[in-house]
N, C-alpha and C. Protein backbone atom coordinates (compact mmCIF):
# COMPACT_ATOMS: atom_id res chain seq x y z
N ASP A 1 5.81 -15.34 -18.88
CA ASP A 1 5.95 -16.64 -19.52
C ASP A 1 5.52 -17.78 -18.59
N TYR A 2 5.48 -17.50 -17.31
CA TYR A 2 5.16 -18.55 -16.34
C TYR A 2 3.69 -18.94 -16.38
N VAL A 3 2.80 -18.01 -16.79
CA VAL A 3 1.36 -18.26 -16.80
C VAL A 3 0.82 -18.08 -18.21
N SER A 4 0.11 -19.09 -18.70
CA SER A 4 -0.60 -19.00 -19.97
C SER A 4 -2.08 -18.84 -19.68
N LEU A 5 -2.77 -18.09 -20.53
CA LEU A 5 -4.20 -17.84 -20.33
C LEU A 5 -4.98 -18.35 -21.53
N GLU A 6 -6.06 -19.07 -21.24
CA GLU A 6 -6.98 -19.54 -22.27
C GLU A 6 -8.35 -18.94 -22.00
N GLY A 7 -9.10 -18.68 -23.04
CA GLY A 7 -10.46 -18.18 -22.87
C GLY A 7 -10.53 -16.71 -22.47
N LEU A 8 -9.48 -15.97 -22.76
CA LEU A 8 -9.43 -14.56 -22.39
C LEU A 8 -10.60 -13.78 -23.00
N ASP A 9 -11.13 -14.27 -24.12
CA ASP A 9 -12.28 -13.61 -24.75
C ASP A 9 -13.50 -13.62 -23.82
N HIS A 10 -13.66 -14.66 -22.98
CA HIS A 10 -14.77 -14.70 -22.01
C HIS A 10 -14.63 -13.56 -21.01
N TYR A 11 -13.42 -13.34 -20.56
CA TYR A 11 -13.15 -12.29 -19.57
C TYR A 11 -13.35 -10.91 -20.19
N ARG A 12 -12.81 -10.71 -21.37
CA ARG A 12 -12.95 -9.40 -22.03
C ARG A 12 -14.41 -9.08 -22.34
N ALA A 13 -15.18 -10.09 -22.71
CA ALA A 13 -16.62 -9.87 -22.97
C ALA A 13 -17.33 -9.44 -21.69
N ALA A 14 -16.97 -10.05 -20.57
CA ALA A 14 -17.59 -9.67 -19.30
C ALA A 14 -17.24 -8.23 -18.94
N LEU A 15 -15.98 -7.85 -19.13
CA LEU A 15 -15.56 -6.48 -18.81
C LEU A 15 -16.19 -5.45 -19.74
N ALA A 16 -16.51 -5.84 -20.95
CA ALA A 16 -17.07 -4.91 -21.94
C ALA A 16 -18.41 -4.34 -21.50
N ALA A 17 -19.11 -5.02 -20.62
CA ALA A 17 -20.41 -4.53 -20.14
C ALA A 17 -20.26 -3.33 -19.22
N GLY A 18 -19.03 -3.08 -18.72
CA GLY A 18 -18.77 -1.91 -17.91
C GLY A 18 -19.15 -2.02 -16.44
N LYS A 19 -19.44 -3.23 -15.97
CA LYS A 19 -19.81 -3.43 -14.57
C LYS A 19 -18.74 -4.18 -13.79
N GLY A 20 -17.55 -4.29 -14.37
CA GLY A 20 -16.51 -5.07 -13.74
C GLY A 20 -16.79 -6.55 -13.91
N ALA A 21 -16.03 -7.38 -13.21
CA ALA A 21 -16.21 -8.83 -13.27
C ALA A 21 -15.82 -9.43 -11.93
N ILE A 22 -16.57 -10.43 -11.54
CA ILE A 22 -16.23 -11.21 -10.34
C ILE A 22 -15.53 -12.47 -10.84
N LEU A 23 -14.25 -12.58 -10.52
CA LEU A 23 -13.48 -13.74 -10.94
C LEU A 23 -13.61 -14.82 -9.89
N LEU A 24 -14.28 -15.88 -10.24
CA LEU A 24 -14.47 -17.02 -9.35
C LEU A 24 -13.24 -17.90 -9.45
N MET A 25 -12.49 -17.98 -8.34
CA MET A 25 -11.28 -18.79 -8.29
C MET A 25 -11.42 -19.79 -7.15
N ALA A 26 -10.45 -20.66 -6.98
CA ALA A 26 -10.49 -21.64 -5.91
C ALA A 26 -9.08 -21.92 -5.42
N HIS A 27 -9.00 -22.57 -4.28
CA HIS A 27 -7.70 -22.86 -3.65
C HIS A 27 -7.08 -24.13 -4.23
N PHE A 28 -6.84 -24.13 -5.51
CA PHE A 28 -6.04 -25.18 -6.12
C PHE A 28 -5.30 -24.58 -7.30
N GLY A 29 -4.32 -25.32 -7.81
CA GLY A 29 -3.43 -24.71 -8.77
C GLY A 29 -2.59 -23.70 -8.01
N ASN A 30 -2.45 -22.52 -8.55
CA ASN A 30 -1.75 -21.46 -7.85
C ASN A 30 -2.46 -20.15 -8.16
N TRP A 31 -3.49 -19.86 -7.39
CA TRP A 31 -4.28 -18.67 -7.65
C TRP A 31 -3.47 -17.39 -7.42
N GLU A 32 -2.49 -17.45 -6.55
CA GLU A 32 -1.66 -16.27 -6.26
C GLU A 32 -0.89 -15.85 -7.52
N VAL A 33 -0.26 -16.79 -8.18
CA VAL A 33 0.50 -16.50 -9.39
C VAL A 33 -0.45 -16.07 -10.51
N LEU A 34 -1.58 -16.71 -10.60
CA LEU A 34 -2.57 -16.37 -11.63
C LEU A 34 -3.06 -14.93 -11.44
N ALA A 35 -3.39 -14.54 -10.22
CA ALA A 35 -3.85 -13.18 -9.95
C ALA A 35 -2.73 -12.16 -10.24
N ALA A 36 -1.50 -12.51 -9.89
CA ALA A 36 -0.37 -11.61 -10.17
C ALA A 36 -0.21 -11.41 -11.67
N ARG A 37 -0.38 -12.47 -12.44
CA ARG A 37 -0.29 -12.36 -13.90
C ARG A 37 -1.38 -11.45 -14.44
N LEU A 38 -2.61 -11.61 -13.96
CA LEU A 38 -3.71 -10.77 -14.44
C LEU A 38 -3.49 -9.30 -14.09
N ALA A 39 -2.92 -9.06 -12.92
CA ALA A 39 -2.68 -7.69 -12.46
C ALA A 39 -1.68 -6.96 -13.35
N GLN A 40 -0.94 -7.69 -14.18
CA GLN A 40 -0.03 -7.04 -15.13
C GLN A 40 -0.79 -6.30 -16.22
N ALA A 41 -2.02 -6.73 -16.51
CA ALA A 41 -2.77 -6.15 -17.61
C ALA A 41 -4.14 -5.59 -17.23
N PHE A 42 -4.64 -5.96 -16.06
CA PHE A 42 -5.99 -5.56 -15.66
C PHE A 42 -5.99 -5.04 -14.23
N SER A 43 -7.02 -4.28 -13.90
CA SER A 43 -7.20 -3.82 -12.52
C SER A 43 -7.82 -4.96 -11.71
N ILE A 44 -7.05 -5.51 -10.76
CA ILE A 44 -7.45 -6.69 -10.02
C ILE A 44 -7.44 -6.40 -8.52
N ALA A 45 -8.47 -6.89 -7.85
CA ALA A 45 -8.53 -6.85 -6.38
C ALA A 45 -8.93 -8.24 -5.91
N ALA A 46 -8.59 -8.55 -4.69
CA ALA A 46 -8.95 -9.86 -4.13
C ALA A 46 -9.51 -9.66 -2.73
N ILE A 47 -10.59 -10.38 -2.45
CA ILE A 47 -11.13 -10.42 -1.09
C ILE A 47 -10.40 -11.54 -0.38
N LEU A 48 -9.78 -11.20 0.75
CA LEU A 48 -8.95 -12.16 1.46
C LEU A 48 -9.31 -12.26 2.93
N ARG A 49 -9.18 -13.45 3.45
CA ARG A 49 -9.32 -13.68 4.89
C ARG A 49 -7.95 -13.48 5.51
N PRO A 50 -7.85 -12.64 6.56
CA PRO A 50 -6.55 -12.44 7.20
C PRO A 50 -5.97 -13.76 7.72
N LEU A 51 -4.66 -13.89 7.60
CA LEU A 51 -3.97 -15.08 8.08
C LEU A 51 -3.80 -15.01 9.59
N SER A 52 -3.63 -16.14 10.23
CA SER A 52 -3.50 -16.17 11.69
C SER A 52 -2.12 -15.68 12.16
N SER A 53 -1.12 -15.77 11.32
CA SER A 53 0.23 -15.30 11.66
C SER A 53 0.41 -13.88 11.13
N ARG A 54 0.65 -12.94 12.01
CA ARG A 54 0.83 -11.54 11.63
C ARG A 54 2.07 -11.38 10.74
N VAL A 55 3.14 -12.10 11.04
CA VAL A 55 4.37 -12.01 10.25
C VAL A 55 4.10 -12.49 8.82
N LEU A 56 3.45 -13.64 8.69
CA LEU A 56 3.12 -14.18 7.37
C LEU A 56 2.13 -13.26 6.65
N GLN A 57 1.17 -12.73 7.39
CA GLN A 57 0.19 -11.81 6.80
C GLN A 57 0.90 -10.58 6.20
N ASP A 58 1.81 -9.98 6.95
CA ASP A 58 2.53 -8.80 6.46
C ASP A 58 3.38 -9.15 5.23
N HIS A 59 4.01 -10.31 5.26
CA HIS A 59 4.84 -10.76 4.13
C HIS A 59 3.99 -10.94 2.87
N MET A 60 2.86 -11.65 2.99
CA MET A 60 1.99 -11.90 1.84
C MET A 60 1.36 -10.61 1.33
N THR A 61 0.98 -9.73 2.24
CA THR A 61 0.40 -8.45 1.83
C THR A 61 1.39 -7.65 1.00
N ALA A 62 2.65 -7.62 1.43
CA ALA A 62 3.68 -6.89 0.68
C ALA A 62 3.87 -7.47 -0.72
N ILE A 63 3.91 -8.78 -0.82
CA ILE A 63 4.09 -9.42 -2.13
C ILE A 63 2.89 -9.13 -3.03
N ARG A 64 1.68 -9.29 -2.51
CA ARG A 64 0.48 -9.08 -3.31
C ARG A 64 0.39 -7.63 -3.79
N ARG A 65 0.66 -6.70 -2.91
CA ARG A 65 0.61 -5.28 -3.31
C ARG A 65 1.71 -4.96 -4.32
N ASP A 66 2.89 -5.54 -4.14
CA ASP A 66 3.99 -5.33 -5.08
C ASP A 66 3.61 -5.80 -6.49
N LYS A 67 2.78 -6.80 -6.57
CA LYS A 67 2.35 -7.34 -7.88
C LYS A 67 1.16 -6.58 -8.45
N GLY A 68 0.65 -5.58 -7.72
CA GLY A 68 -0.43 -4.75 -8.24
C GLY A 68 -1.82 -5.22 -7.88
N ILE A 69 -1.94 -6.09 -6.91
CA ILE A 69 -3.25 -6.60 -6.50
C ILE A 69 -3.76 -5.74 -5.35
N THR A 70 -4.95 -5.18 -5.51
CA THR A 70 -5.61 -4.45 -4.44
C THR A 70 -6.19 -5.47 -3.47
N LEU A 71 -6.03 -5.24 -2.18
CA LEU A 71 -6.47 -6.20 -1.18
C LEU A 71 -7.67 -5.65 -0.42
N ILE A 72 -8.68 -6.50 -0.24
CA ILE A 72 -9.88 -6.16 0.51
C ILE A 72 -10.08 -7.24 1.56
N SER A 73 -10.17 -6.84 2.83
CA SER A 73 -10.40 -7.81 3.89
C SER A 73 -11.79 -8.40 3.76
N LYS A 74 -11.90 -9.67 4.04
CA LYS A 74 -13.18 -10.37 4.03
C LYS A 74 -14.18 -9.67 4.96
N TYR A 75 -13.67 -9.11 6.03
CA TYR A 75 -14.52 -8.45 7.01
C TYR A 75 -14.77 -7.01 6.57
N GLY A 76 -15.98 -6.72 6.19
CA GLY A 76 -16.31 -5.38 5.70
C GLY A 76 -16.01 -5.19 4.23
N ALA A 77 -16.11 -6.25 3.44
CA ALA A 77 -15.73 -6.19 2.03
C ALA A 77 -16.81 -5.60 1.13
N GLY A 78 -18.04 -5.54 1.58
CA GLY A 78 -19.16 -5.18 0.72
C GLY A 78 -19.00 -3.88 -0.04
N ARG A 79 -18.90 -2.76 0.66
CA ARG A 79 -18.82 -1.47 -0.02
C ARG A 79 -17.56 -1.31 -0.86
N PRO A 80 -16.39 -1.67 -0.34
CA PRO A 80 -15.20 -1.55 -1.20
C PRO A 80 -15.31 -2.41 -2.47
N ALA A 81 -15.89 -3.59 -2.36
CA ALA A 81 -16.04 -4.45 -3.53
C ALA A 81 -16.98 -3.83 -4.55
N LEU A 82 -18.08 -3.29 -4.09
CA LEU A 82 -19.04 -2.67 -5.01
C LEU A 82 -18.45 -1.44 -5.69
N ARG A 83 -17.70 -0.62 -4.95
CA ARG A 83 -17.06 0.56 -5.56
C ARG A 83 -16.05 0.14 -6.63
N LEU A 84 -15.30 -0.89 -6.33
CA LEU A 84 -14.31 -1.38 -7.27
C LEU A 84 -14.97 -1.86 -8.57
N LEU A 85 -16.05 -2.62 -8.44
CA LEU A 85 -16.76 -3.12 -9.62
C LEU A 85 -17.37 -1.97 -10.41
N GLN A 86 -17.88 -0.94 -9.73
CA GLN A 86 -18.45 0.22 -10.42
C GLN A 86 -17.40 0.90 -11.29
N ARG A 87 -16.14 0.82 -10.90
CA ARG A 87 -15.05 1.41 -11.70
C ARG A 87 -14.62 0.50 -12.84
N GLY A 88 -15.25 -0.68 -12.96
CA GLY A 88 -14.92 -1.59 -14.06
C GLY A 88 -13.78 -2.54 -13.77
N ALA A 89 -13.35 -2.63 -12.52
CA ALA A 89 -12.25 -3.53 -12.15
C ALA A 89 -12.78 -4.95 -11.93
N SER A 90 -11.87 -5.84 -11.61
CA SER A 90 -12.22 -7.24 -11.36
C SER A 90 -11.96 -7.59 -9.91
N LEU A 91 -12.79 -8.44 -9.39
CA LEU A 91 -12.73 -8.85 -8.00
C LEU A 91 -12.54 -10.36 -7.93
N CYS A 92 -11.40 -10.81 -7.38
CA CYS A 92 -11.14 -12.24 -7.22
C CYS A 92 -11.75 -12.70 -5.90
N ILE A 93 -12.53 -13.77 -5.97
CA ILE A 93 -13.12 -14.36 -4.78
C ILE A 93 -12.87 -15.86 -4.82
N LEU A 94 -12.44 -16.41 -3.69
CA LEU A 94 -12.19 -17.84 -3.56
C LEU A 94 -13.13 -18.38 -2.49
N PRO A 95 -14.34 -18.81 -2.87
CA PRO A 95 -15.33 -19.21 -1.88
C PRO A 95 -15.28 -20.68 -1.45
N ASP A 96 -14.27 -21.41 -1.86
CA ASP A 96 -14.24 -22.86 -1.62
C ASP A 96 -13.66 -23.20 -0.24
N ARG A 97 -14.07 -22.49 0.76
CA ARG A 97 -13.66 -22.75 2.15
C ARG A 97 -14.91 -22.93 2.98
N HIS A 98 -14.79 -23.65 4.06
CA HIS A 98 -15.91 -23.78 5.00
C HIS A 98 -16.25 -22.39 5.50
N ALA A 99 -17.49 -21.95 5.31
CA ALA A 99 -17.88 -20.58 5.59
C ALA A 99 -18.23 -20.33 7.05
N GLY A 100 -18.31 -21.39 7.84
CA GLY A 100 -18.68 -21.18 9.24
C GLY A 100 -20.13 -20.75 9.36
N GLN A 101 -20.44 -20.10 10.44
CA GLN A 101 -21.84 -19.76 10.73
C GLN A 101 -22.43 -18.75 9.76
N GLU A 102 -21.58 -17.98 9.06
CA GLU A 102 -22.10 -17.02 8.09
C GLU A 102 -22.54 -17.70 6.81
N GLY A 103 -22.16 -18.96 6.62
CA GLY A 103 -22.44 -19.64 5.36
C GLY A 103 -23.87 -20.11 5.24
N THR A 104 -24.20 -20.54 4.04
CA THR A 104 -25.51 -21.11 3.74
C THR A 104 -25.30 -22.59 3.46
N LEU A 105 -26.16 -23.43 4.01
CA LEU A 105 -26.03 -24.87 3.84
C LEU A 105 -26.45 -25.25 2.41
N LEU A 106 -25.47 -25.70 1.64
CA LEU A 106 -25.68 -26.07 0.24
C LEU A 106 -24.91 -27.35 -0.06
N PRO A 107 -25.35 -28.11 -1.08
CA PRO A 107 -24.64 -29.36 -1.41
C PRO A 107 -23.36 -29.09 -2.19
N PHE A 108 -22.24 -29.55 -1.64
CA PHE A 108 -20.95 -29.48 -2.32
C PHE A 108 -20.47 -30.90 -2.47
N PHE A 109 -20.40 -31.40 -3.71
CA PHE A 109 -20.15 -32.81 -3.99
C PHE A 109 -21.13 -33.68 -3.20
N HIS A 110 -22.39 -33.28 -3.21
CA HIS A 110 -23.52 -34.00 -2.59
C HIS A 110 -23.47 -34.03 -1.07
N LYS A 111 -22.58 -33.28 -0.46
CA LYS A 111 -22.49 -33.22 1.01
C LYS A 111 -22.95 -31.84 1.47
N PRO A 112 -23.87 -31.78 2.43
CA PRO A 112 -24.29 -30.47 2.94
C PRO A 112 -23.08 -29.74 3.55
N THR A 113 -22.84 -28.53 3.05
CA THR A 113 -21.67 -27.76 3.44
C THR A 113 -22.08 -26.31 3.67
N LEU A 114 -21.54 -25.70 4.72
CA LEU A 114 -21.76 -24.27 4.93
C LEU A 114 -20.88 -23.54 3.94
N PHE A 115 -21.51 -22.98 2.91
CA PHE A 115 -20.79 -22.42 1.77
C PHE A 115 -20.92 -20.91 1.74
N GLU A 116 -19.89 -20.26 1.26
CA GLU A 116 -19.82 -18.80 1.14
C GLU A 116 -20.73 -18.33 0.00
N THR A 117 -21.60 -17.36 0.27
CA THR A 117 -22.50 -16.84 -0.76
C THR A 117 -22.04 -15.49 -1.32
N ALA A 118 -20.88 -14.99 -0.89
CA ALA A 118 -20.43 -13.65 -1.29
C ALA A 118 -20.38 -13.44 -2.80
N PRO A 119 -19.86 -14.38 -3.61
CA PRO A 119 -19.82 -14.09 -5.05
C PRO A 119 -21.21 -13.79 -5.62
N ALA A 120 -22.19 -14.62 -5.29
CA ALA A 120 -23.55 -14.42 -5.80
C ALA A 120 -24.18 -13.16 -5.22
N ARG A 121 -23.96 -12.90 -3.95
CA ARG A 121 -24.54 -11.72 -3.30
C ARG A 121 -23.97 -10.43 -3.93
N ILE A 122 -22.68 -10.39 -4.15
CA ILE A 122 -22.07 -9.22 -4.76
C ILE A 122 -22.52 -9.07 -6.21
N ALA A 123 -22.68 -10.19 -6.91
CA ALA A 123 -23.15 -10.14 -8.30
C ALA A 123 -24.56 -9.56 -8.37
N VAL A 124 -25.44 -9.96 -7.47
CA VAL A 124 -26.80 -9.43 -7.46
C VAL A 124 -26.79 -7.93 -7.19
N MET A 125 -25.98 -7.51 -6.24
CA MET A 125 -25.95 -6.10 -5.85
C MET A 125 -25.29 -5.20 -6.89
N SER A 126 -24.30 -5.73 -7.61
CA SER A 126 -23.53 -4.91 -8.55
C SER A 126 -23.96 -5.05 -10.00
N GLY A 127 -24.56 -6.17 -10.34
CA GLY A 127 -24.85 -6.45 -11.75
C GLY A 127 -23.65 -6.99 -12.50
N ALA A 128 -22.52 -7.19 -11.80
CA ALA A 128 -21.31 -7.72 -12.44
C ALA A 128 -21.48 -9.21 -12.73
N PRO A 129 -20.99 -9.67 -13.86
CA PRO A 129 -21.03 -11.10 -14.16
C PRO A 129 -19.96 -11.86 -13.36
N ILE A 130 -20.20 -13.14 -13.17
CA ILE A 130 -19.23 -14.02 -12.55
C ILE A 130 -18.51 -14.77 -13.67
N VAL A 131 -17.19 -14.71 -13.64
CA VAL A 131 -16.37 -15.38 -14.65
C VAL A 131 -15.49 -16.40 -13.94
N PRO A 132 -15.78 -17.69 -14.11
CA PRO A 132 -14.91 -18.70 -13.49
C PRO A 132 -13.51 -18.66 -14.11
N LEU A 133 -12.51 -18.73 -13.26
CA LEU A 133 -11.12 -18.73 -13.70
C LEU A 133 -10.34 -19.68 -12.80
N PHE A 134 -9.80 -20.72 -13.38
CA PHE A 134 -9.06 -21.69 -12.60
C PHE A 134 -7.69 -21.89 -13.22
N GLY A 135 -6.69 -21.96 -12.38
CA GLY A 135 -5.34 -22.17 -12.85
C GLY A 135 -4.80 -23.49 -12.35
N VAL A 136 -4.25 -24.27 -13.25
CA VAL A 136 -3.65 -25.56 -12.88
C VAL A 136 -2.28 -25.66 -13.55
N ARG A 137 -1.45 -26.51 -13.01
CA ARG A 137 -0.13 -26.73 -13.61
C ARG A 137 -0.29 -27.47 -14.93
N ARG A 138 0.49 -27.05 -15.91
CA ARG A 138 0.42 -27.72 -17.22
C ARG A 138 1.00 -29.12 -17.15
N THR A 139 2.09 -29.27 -16.41
CA THR A 139 2.73 -30.57 -16.25
C THR A 139 3.20 -30.65 -14.80
N PRO A 140 3.67 -31.79 -14.35
CA PRO A 140 4.14 -31.88 -12.97
C PRO A 140 5.17 -30.81 -12.64
N TRP A 141 5.18 -30.39 -11.39
CA TRP A 141 6.01 -29.28 -10.92
C TRP A 141 7.48 -29.42 -11.33
N LEU A 142 8.07 -30.56 -11.10
CA LEU A 142 9.49 -30.71 -11.38
C LEU A 142 9.79 -30.75 -12.88
N ALA A 143 8.80 -31.09 -13.69
CA ALA A 143 9.02 -31.14 -15.13
C ALA A 143 8.88 -29.76 -15.77
N ASP A 144 7.97 -28.93 -15.24
CA ASP A 144 7.70 -27.64 -15.87
C ASP A 144 7.18 -26.66 -14.83
N GLY A 145 6.06 -26.98 -14.22
CA GLY A 145 5.51 -26.14 -13.16
C GLY A 145 4.77 -24.91 -13.62
N ARG A 146 4.67 -24.69 -14.90
CA ARG A 146 3.98 -23.50 -15.39
C ARG A 146 2.47 -23.63 -15.20
N ILE A 147 1.81 -22.49 -15.05
CA ILE A 147 0.38 -22.45 -14.75
C ILE A 147 -0.41 -22.16 -16.02
N MET A 148 -1.49 -22.91 -16.22
CA MET A 148 -2.43 -22.66 -17.30
C MET A 148 -3.71 -22.12 -16.66
N GLY A 149 -4.01 -20.85 -16.91
CA GLY A 149 -5.25 -20.25 -16.42
C GLY A 149 -6.31 -20.35 -17.49
N ARG A 150 -7.48 -20.82 -17.09
CA ARG A 150 -8.56 -21.00 -18.06
C ARG A 150 -9.80 -20.24 -17.60
N PHE A 151 -10.20 -19.23 -18.40
CA PHE A 151 -11.45 -18.52 -18.16
C PHE A 151 -12.57 -19.34 -18.77
N LEU A 152 -13.66 -19.46 -18.05
CA LEU A 152 -14.86 -20.14 -18.55
C LEU A 152 -15.92 -19.08 -18.84
N PRO A 153 -16.97 -19.43 -19.59
CA PRO A 153 -18.00 -18.44 -19.90
C PRO A 153 -18.62 -17.85 -18.63
N GLN A 154 -18.93 -16.57 -18.73
CA GLN A 154 -19.52 -15.86 -17.61
C GLN A 154 -20.95 -16.33 -17.36
N PHE A 155 -21.42 -16.09 -16.15
CA PHE A 155 -22.84 -16.26 -15.86
C PHE A 155 -23.31 -15.12 -14.98
N GLU A 156 -24.60 -14.83 -15.08
CA GLU A 156 -25.19 -13.71 -14.36
C GLU A 156 -25.96 -14.23 -13.15
N VAL A 157 -26.02 -13.41 -12.14
CA VAL A 157 -26.87 -13.68 -10.97
C VAL A 157 -27.66 -12.40 -10.77
N SER A 158 -28.95 -12.46 -11.04
CA SER A 158 -29.76 -11.25 -10.92
C SER A 158 -31.10 -11.57 -10.29
N ALA A 159 -31.70 -10.55 -9.72
CA ALA A 159 -33.01 -10.68 -9.08
C ALA A 159 -33.93 -9.64 -9.68
N ALA A 160 -35.16 -10.05 -9.98
CA ALA A 160 -36.13 -9.12 -10.57
C ALA A 160 -36.61 -8.09 -9.55
N SER A 161 -36.54 -8.44 -8.27
CA SER A 161 -37.00 -7.53 -7.22
C SER A 161 -36.22 -7.80 -5.95
N ARG A 162 -36.36 -6.90 -4.97
CA ARG A 162 -35.71 -7.12 -3.67
C ARG A 162 -36.20 -8.41 -3.02
N ALA A 163 -37.48 -8.69 -3.19
CA ALA A 163 -38.07 -9.89 -2.58
C ALA A 163 -37.47 -11.16 -3.17
N ASP A 164 -37.01 -11.08 -4.40
CA ASP A 164 -36.46 -12.24 -5.11
C ASP A 164 -34.95 -12.40 -4.87
N ARG A 165 -34.33 -11.46 -4.17
CA ARG A 165 -32.87 -11.43 -4.02
C ARG A 165 -32.31 -12.69 -3.36
N GLU A 166 -32.89 -13.14 -2.27
CA GLU A 166 -32.35 -14.30 -1.56
C GLU A 166 -32.43 -15.58 -2.40
N ARG A 167 -33.52 -15.73 -3.16
CA ARG A 167 -33.62 -16.88 -4.05
C ARG A 167 -32.52 -16.82 -5.10
N ALA A 168 -32.28 -15.62 -5.65
CA ALA A 168 -31.25 -15.45 -6.67
C ALA A 168 -29.86 -15.74 -6.09
N VAL A 169 -29.60 -15.28 -4.86
CA VAL A 169 -28.30 -15.52 -4.23
C VAL A 169 -28.11 -17.02 -4.01
N ARG A 170 -29.15 -17.70 -3.56
CA ARG A 170 -29.05 -19.15 -3.34
C ARG A 170 -28.76 -19.87 -4.65
N GLN A 171 -29.52 -19.55 -5.71
CA GLN A 171 -29.30 -20.21 -7.00
C GLN A 171 -27.95 -19.85 -7.58
N GLY A 172 -27.54 -18.59 -7.43
CA GLY A 172 -26.22 -18.17 -7.90
C GLY A 172 -25.10 -18.90 -7.18
N SER A 173 -25.29 -19.13 -5.88
CA SER A 173 -24.29 -19.87 -5.10
C SER A 173 -24.22 -21.32 -5.54
N ILE A 174 -25.34 -21.89 -5.89
CA ILE A 174 -25.35 -23.26 -6.43
C ILE A 174 -24.60 -23.29 -7.76
N ASP A 175 -24.78 -22.27 -8.59
CA ASP A 175 -24.04 -22.19 -9.86
C ASP A 175 -22.54 -22.06 -9.62
N VAL A 176 -22.15 -21.30 -8.59
CA VAL A 176 -20.75 -21.17 -8.21
C VAL A 176 -20.20 -22.54 -7.81
N ILE A 177 -20.94 -23.25 -6.97
CA ILE A 177 -20.52 -24.59 -6.53
C ILE A 177 -20.35 -25.51 -7.72
N ARG A 178 -21.30 -25.48 -8.64
CA ARG A 178 -21.22 -26.36 -9.82
C ARG A 178 -19.98 -26.07 -10.65
N ALA A 179 -19.63 -24.80 -10.79
CA ALA A 179 -18.42 -24.44 -11.56
C ALA A 179 -17.18 -24.99 -10.88
N ILE A 180 -17.10 -24.88 -9.55
CA ILE A 180 -15.95 -25.41 -8.82
C ILE A 180 -15.91 -26.93 -8.91
N GLU A 181 -17.06 -27.56 -8.69
CA GLU A 181 -17.11 -29.03 -8.77
C GLU A 181 -16.67 -29.53 -10.14
N HIS A 182 -17.14 -28.84 -11.18
CA HIS A 182 -16.78 -29.24 -12.55
C HIS A 182 -15.26 -29.18 -12.75
N ARG A 183 -14.64 -28.11 -12.28
CA ARG A 183 -13.19 -27.98 -12.45
C ARG A 183 -12.43 -29.02 -11.63
N VAL A 184 -12.90 -29.27 -10.42
CA VAL A 184 -12.24 -30.28 -9.58
C VAL A 184 -12.33 -31.65 -10.25
N ARG A 185 -13.50 -31.98 -10.78
CA ARG A 185 -13.66 -33.27 -11.46
C ARG A 185 -12.74 -33.36 -12.65
C-alpha cells in the first residue's frame, strides 16, 4: 500500500519481448522502496556502488536481499547483468552520479558532466529496452509520504554494427540524460 505504480503497461510490454528490461532510475524520491515494491512481483536486480562504510554496507545489503533484490557490484557488473537480462529479469541502474574518469563528457542540464554510460552500453549488448521509472512522494512526507512510481515508455538503444556501437552508446546516454532531466523538471 505504501507504493502506487502508474504506467505498468509500459514495463510489461518491455518484458514481453523476452530480453529483460533496464529500469532507469535516479537518486530522488525513494528508489529503495520502489525497487523493494517491484521485487514483490518481478525478478529485480540492481547495480550498486559499494558504500564507504562497511557497517552501513552490510546493513543495506541485508535489507535489500531480504526484500528480494539481487545485488550486483558496479565493479565487474557486465557479465552478471547480461546473464540476468537473458533470463528475462530487470536491472535497476541509477546513472545520475558523477561518473569520474570512466564517464563520458555529456551535457546534463546544459553543463558538461562526466556521465555514466552503463545503461546504454548494456542495452546495446543485450538488446534489452530501457524503461524509465521514477518514484516521487505523492504528498509531503509528514502528510502522507507514500511513493508514486511512474513507468515511462521504453526506448531502445541499438547498433547496426560493431563499428556503430560507440555512436549508439553515446546517443543512448543522451536519451537517458533527457529522461532524467525531464523528470527533474
